[in-house]
Amino acid sequence: PERAPMFWECLAGLVAMGWSDAAADLVALHSCWAEWRQGMAAAKPAAELLEACVALIRTAPRMATAEDAGAGTNDAYPASVATSVPQFMAFREAWSRQVRD
């Protein structure tokens, strides 16, 4: 699937729109996962890299929506969900440092 002409462009678009679940689902279609499950050691580096990418996608900061209220414990917002622009910018800076590291 990753060799399809628009695979990576589609992934970038999903990430840019904040559709992290859809982006993670698309990454799950990558052929390295099947190779890794079959015990092919050569697939391990790609699988580990994609795992890290999915983790970053899932933890990307975003602004809270009405659906987020009460989603966490004690009516707290989920981690990396900001309720103000300054909070979002702080979350984004911390997340960006993780991406660079």
N, C-alpha and C. Protein backbone atom coordinates (compact mmCIF):
# COMPACT_ATOMS: atom_id res chain seq x y z
N PRO A 1 0.81 -1.22 0.00
CA PRO A 1 0.00 0.00 0.00
C PRO A 1 0.85 1.28 0.00
N GLU A 2 2.00 1.24 0.69
CA GLU A 2 2.82 2.45 0.78
C GLU A 2 3.43 2.85 -0.54
N ARG A 3 3.35 1.99 -1.53
CA ARG A 3 3.87 2.32 -2.85
C ARG A 3 2.81 2.94 -3.74
N ALA A 4 1.59 2.99 -3.26
CA ALA A 4 0.51 3.64 -4.01
C ALA A 4 0.86 5.11 -4.18
N PRO A 5 0.52 5.68 -5.32
CA PRO A 5 0.95 7.06 -5.62
C PRO A 5 0.60 8.10 -4.56
N MET A 6 -0.52 7.96 -3.88
CA MET A 6 -0.94 9.01 -2.94
C MET A 6 -0.87 8.58 -1.47
N PHE A 7 -0.25 7.45 -1.17
CA PHE A 7 -0.22 6.96 0.21
C PHE A 7 0.35 8.00 1.16
N TRP A 8 1.56 8.46 0.88
CA TRP A 8 2.23 9.39 1.81
C TRP A 8 1.59 10.76 1.80
N GLU A 9 1.08 11.20 0.65
CA GLU A 9 0.37 12.48 0.60
C GLU A 9 -0.92 12.40 1.41
N CYS A 10 -1.60 11.26 1.32
CA CYS A 10 -2.82 11.07 2.09
C CYS A 10 -2.50 11.08 3.59
N LEU A 11 -1.43 10.39 3.97
CA LEU A 11 -1.03 10.37 5.38
C LEU A 11 -0.74 11.79 5.87
N ALA A 12 -0.01 12.55 5.09
CA ALA A 12 0.31 13.93 5.48
C ALA A 12 -0.96 14.75 5.61
N GLY A 13 -1.90 14.55 4.72
CA GLY A 13 -3.16 15.29 4.78
C GLY A 13 -3.97 14.94 6.02
N LEU A 14 -4.04 13.65 6.33
CA LEU A 14 -4.78 13.23 7.53
C LEU A 14 -4.16 13.83 8.79
N VAL A 15 -2.84 13.81 8.85
CA VAL A 15 -2.14 14.39 10.01
C VAL A 15 -2.40 15.89 10.07
N ALA A 16 -2.31 16.57 8.93
CA ALA A 16 -2.52 18.02 8.90
C ALA A 16 -3.93 18.41 9.35
N MET A 17 -4.90 17.55 9.05
CA MET A 17 -6.28 17.84 9.46
C MET A 17 -6.58 17.42 10.89
N GLY A 18 -5.59 16.74 11.52
CA GLY A 18 -5.80 16.31 12.89
C GLY A 18 -6.57 15.01 13.02
N TRP A 19 -6.69 14.27 11.95
CA TRP A 19 -7.41 13.00 11.97
C TRP A 19 -6.43 11.90 12.35
N SER A 20 -6.02 11.90 13.60
CA SER A 20 -4.96 11.00 14.05
C SER A 20 -5.36 9.53 13.99
N ASP A 21 -6.61 9.21 14.29
CA ASP A 21 -7.03 7.81 14.21
C ASP A 21 -6.97 7.30 12.78
N ALA A 22 -7.44 8.10 11.85
CA ALA A 22 -7.40 7.70 10.44
C ALA A 22 -5.96 7.59 9.95
N ALA A 23 -5.10 8.50 10.40
CA ALA A 23 -3.69 8.44 10.01
C ALA A 23 -3.04 7.17 10.56
N ALA A 24 -3.33 6.84 11.82
CA ALA A 24 -2.77 5.62 12.42
C ALA A 24 -3.30 4.37 11.69
N ASP A 25 -4.56 4.41 11.30
CA ASP A 25 -5.12 3.28 10.54
C ASP A 25 -4.41 3.13 9.20
N LEU A 26 -4.11 4.24 8.56
CA LEU A 26 -3.41 4.18 7.27
C LEU A 26 -2.00 3.63 7.47
N VAL A 27 -1.30 4.08 8.49
CA VAL A 27 0.05 3.57 8.77
C VAL A 27 -0.01 2.06 9.03
N ALA A 28 -1.09 1.59 9.65
CA ALA A 28 -1.24 0.16 9.94
C ALA A 28 -1.30 -0.69 8.67
N LEU A 29 -1.58 -0.07 7.54
CA LEU A 29 -1.62 -0.80 6.27
C LEU A 29 -0.24 -1.01 5.66
N HIS A 30 0.77 -0.36 6.21
CA HIS A 30 2.12 -0.46 5.66
C HIS A 30 2.57 -1.92 5.65
N SER A 31 3.24 -2.33 4.61
CA SER A 31 3.64 -3.73 4.44
C SER A 31 4.64 -4.21 5.48
N CYS A 32 5.37 -3.32 6.12
CA CYS A 32 6.36 -3.77 7.10
C CYS A 32 5.71 -4.48 8.28
N TRP A 33 4.46 -4.15 8.61
CA TRP A 33 3.80 -4.81 9.74
C TRP A 33 3.59 -6.29 9.45
N ALA A 34 3.13 -6.60 8.25
CA ALA A 34 2.94 -8.00 7.88
C ALA A 34 4.28 -8.73 7.87
N GLU A 35 5.30 -8.08 7.34
CA GLU A 35 6.63 -8.69 7.31
C GLU A 35 7.15 -8.93 8.73
N TRP A 36 6.91 -7.97 9.61
CA TRP A 36 7.37 -8.10 11.01
C TRP A 36 6.64 -9.26 11.70
N ARG A 37 5.32 -9.38 11.45
CA ARG A 37 4.55 -10.48 12.04
C ARG A 37 5.02 -11.84 11.52
N GLN A 38 5.55 -11.87 10.33
CA GLN A 38 6.06 -13.11 9.74
C GLN A 38 7.47 -13.42 10.21
N GLY A 39 8.02 -12.58 11.06
CA GLY A 39 9.33 -12.83 11.63
C GLY A 39 10.51 -12.35 10.79
N MET A 40 10.25 -11.49 9.84
CA MET A 40 11.33 -10.97 9.01
C MET A 40 12.07 -9.87 9.78
N ALA A 41 13.29 -10.18 10.17
CA ALA A 41 14.08 -9.23 10.98
C ALA A 41 14.35 -7.94 10.24
N ALA A 42 14.41 -7.98 8.92
CA ALA A 42 14.68 -6.77 8.14
C ALA A 42 13.56 -5.74 8.26
N ALA A 43 12.39 -6.16 8.68
CA ALA A 43 11.25 -5.23 8.81
C ALA A 43 11.27 -4.48 10.14
N LYS A 44 12.10 -4.92 11.09
CA LYS A 44 12.10 -4.31 12.42
C LYS A 44 12.40 -2.81 12.42
N PRO A 45 13.43 -2.34 11.71
CA PRO A 45 13.69 -0.89 11.74
C PRO A 45 12.51 -0.05 11.23
N ALA A 46 11.90 -0.50 10.15
CA ALA A 46 10.75 0.24 9.60
C ALA A 46 9.57 0.19 10.57
N ALA A 47 9.33 -0.97 11.17
CA ALA A 47 8.23 -1.10 12.12
C ALA A 47 8.44 -0.20 13.33
N GLU A 48 9.67 -0.16 13.84
CA GLU A 48 9.95 0.70 15.00
C GLU A 48 9.80 2.17 14.65
N LEU A 49 10.24 2.55 13.46
CA LEU A 49 10.09 3.93 13.02
C LEU A 49 8.62 4.31 12.87
N LEU A 50 7.84 3.43 12.26
CA LEU A 50 6.42 3.71 12.10
C LEU A 50 5.70 3.74 13.45
N GLU A 51 6.11 2.89 14.37
CA GLU A 51 5.55 2.92 15.72
C GLU A 51 5.78 4.28 16.38
N ALA A 52 6.99 4.79 16.24
CA ALA A 52 7.31 6.11 16.80
C ALA A 52 6.49 7.20 16.12
N CYS A 53 6.31 7.10 14.82
CA CYS A 53 5.50 8.09 14.10
C CYS A 53 4.05 8.08 14.57
N VAL A 54 3.50 6.89 14.76
CA VAL A 54 2.12 6.79 15.24
C VAL A 54 2.01 7.38 16.64
N ALA A 55 3.00 7.13 17.48
CA ALA A 55 2.98 7.71 18.83
C ALA A 55 2.98 9.22 18.77
N LEU A 56 3.79 9.79 17.89
CA LEU A 56 3.82 11.25 17.74
C LEU A 56 2.50 11.78 17.19
N ILE A 57 1.94 11.07 16.22
CA ILE A 57 0.65 11.49 15.64
C ILE A 57 -0.42 11.49 16.72
N ARG A 58 -0.45 10.45 17.53
CA ARG A 58 -1.50 10.32 18.55
C ARG A 58 -1.34 11.33 19.69
N THR A 59 -0.13 11.82 19.90
CA THR A 59 0.09 12.76 21.01
C THR A 59 0.20 14.21 20.53
N ALA A 60 -0.04 14.45 19.25
CA ALA A 60 0.04 15.82 18.74
C ALA A 60 -0.98 16.70 19.47
N PRO A 61 -0.57 17.88 19.87
CA PRO A 61 -1.49 18.76 20.59
C PRO A 61 -2.60 19.26 19.68
N ARG A 62 -3.73 19.51 20.29
CA ARG A 62 -4.87 20.07 19.55
C ARG A 62 -5.76 20.85 20.52
N MET A 63 -6.61 21.65 19.95
CA MET A 63 -7.55 22.42 20.77
C MET A 63 -8.72 21.52 21.16
N ALA A 64 -9.25 21.77 22.34
CA ALA A 64 -10.37 20.98 22.86
C ALA A 64 -11.63 21.24 22.05
N THR A 65 -12.46 20.21 21.98
CA THR A 65 -13.78 20.33 21.38
C THR A 65 -14.82 20.04 22.45
N ALA A 66 -16.07 20.26 22.14
CA ALA A 66 -17.13 19.96 23.10
C ALA A 66 -17.14 18.48 23.45
N GLU A 67 -16.74 17.63 22.52
CA GLU A 67 -16.71 16.18 22.77
C GLU A 67 -15.62 15.79 23.77
N ASP A 68 -14.59 16.63 23.90
CA ASP A 68 -13.49 16.31 24.80
C ASP A 68 -13.86 16.51 26.27
N ALA A 69 -14.81 17.36 26.57
CA ALA A 69 -15.17 17.64 27.96
C ALA A 69 -15.65 16.37 28.63
N GLY A 70 -15.01 16.03 29.72
CA GLY A 70 -15.40 14.84 30.46
C GLY A 70 -14.83 13.55 29.91
N ALA A 71 -14.04 13.61 28.86
CA ALA A 71 -13.48 12.39 28.27
C ALA A 71 -12.41 11.77 29.15
N GLY A 72 -11.73 12.59 29.93
CA GLY A 72 -10.67 12.07 30.81
C GLY A 72 -11.23 11.77 32.19
N THR A 73 -10.35 11.44 33.09
CA THR A 73 -10.78 11.16 34.45
C THR A 73 -11.06 12.46 35.18
N ASN A 74 -12.03 12.41 36.07
CA ASN A 74 -12.41 13.58 36.88
C ASN A 74 -12.76 14.78 36.00
N ASP A 75 -13.39 14.54 34.87
CA ASP A 75 -13.80 15.59 33.94
C ASP A 75 -12.64 16.42 33.42
N ALA A 76 -11.44 15.89 33.47
CA ALA A 76 -10.27 16.59 32.92
C ALA A 76 -10.19 16.31 31.42
N TYR A 77 -9.55 17.20 30.72
CA TYR A 77 -9.35 16.98 29.30
C TYR A 77 -8.22 15.99 29.09
N PRO A 78 -8.29 15.22 27.99
CA PRO A 78 -7.20 14.28 27.71
C PRO A 78 -5.86 15.01 27.58
N ALA A 79 -4.77 14.29 27.81
CA ALA A 79 -3.44 14.88 27.68
C ALA A 79 -3.25 15.43 26.28
N SER A 80 -2.57 16.52 26.16
CA SER A 80 -2.24 17.24 24.92
C SER A 80 -3.44 17.92 24.28
N VAL A 81 -4.56 18.00 24.99
CA VAL A 81 -5.72 18.74 24.49
C VAL A 81 -5.76 20.07 25.24
N ALA A 82 -5.61 21.13 24.49
CA ALA A 82 -5.53 22.47 25.09
C ALA A 82 -6.89 23.14 25.13
N THR A 83 -7.09 23.94 26.16
CA THR A 83 -8.34 24.68 26.29
C THR A 83 -8.15 26.17 26.04
N SER A 84 -6.91 26.57 25.74
CA SER A 84 -6.64 27.97 25.42
C SER A 84 -5.48 28.02 24.42
N VAL A 85 -5.36 29.13 23.75
CA VAL A 85 -4.28 29.28 22.78
C VAL A 85 -2.91 29.24 23.48
N PRO A 86 -2.71 29.93 24.60
CA PRO A 86 -1.40 29.83 25.26
C PRO A 86 -1.07 28.39 25.68
N GLN A 87 -2.05 27.67 26.17
CA GLN A 87 -1.82 26.29 26.55
C GLN A 87 -1.48 25.45 25.31
N PHE A 88 -2.19 25.67 24.22
CA PHE A 88 -1.89 24.95 22.98
C PHE A 88 -0.46 25.22 22.52
N MET A 89 -0.05 26.48 22.57
CA MET A 89 1.31 26.83 22.14
C MET A 89 2.36 26.15 23.04
N ALA A 90 2.09 26.07 24.34
CA ALA A 90 3.02 25.39 25.24
C ALA A 90 3.07 23.90 24.93
N PHE A 91 1.89 23.28 24.71
CA PHE A 91 1.85 21.86 24.35
C PHE A 91 2.59 21.63 23.03
N ARG A 92 2.36 22.54 22.08
CA ARG A 92 2.98 22.38 20.77
C ARG A 92 4.49 22.49 20.84
N GLU A 93 4.98 23.40 21.66
CA GLU A 93 6.43 23.55 21.82
C GLU A 93 7.04 22.28 22.42
N ALA A 94 6.41 21.73 23.45
CA ALA A 94 6.92 20.51 24.07
C ALA A 94 6.86 19.34 23.09
N TRP A 95 5.78 19.24 22.33
CA TRP A 95 5.63 18.17 21.34
C TRP A 95 6.66 18.32 20.22
N SER A 96 6.90 19.56 19.80
CA SER A 96 7.89 19.81 18.75
C SER A 96 9.28 19.40 19.19
N ARG A 97 9.60 19.61 20.46
CA ARG A 97 10.90 19.16 20.98
C ARG A 97 11.01 17.65 20.89
N GLN A 98 9.93 16.94 21.19
CA GLN A 98 9.94 15.48 21.07
C GLN A 98 10.17 15.06 19.63
N VAL A 99 9.53 15.74 18.69
CA VAL A 99 9.67 15.41 17.27
C VAL A 99 11.11 15.61 16.83
N ARG A 100 11.73 16.69 17.29
CA ARG A 100 13.13 16.98 16.89
C ARG A 100 14.11 15.99 17.50
N ASP A 101 13.80 15.46 18.69
CA ASP A 101 14.75 14.56 19.39
C ASP A 101 14.77 13.19 18.82
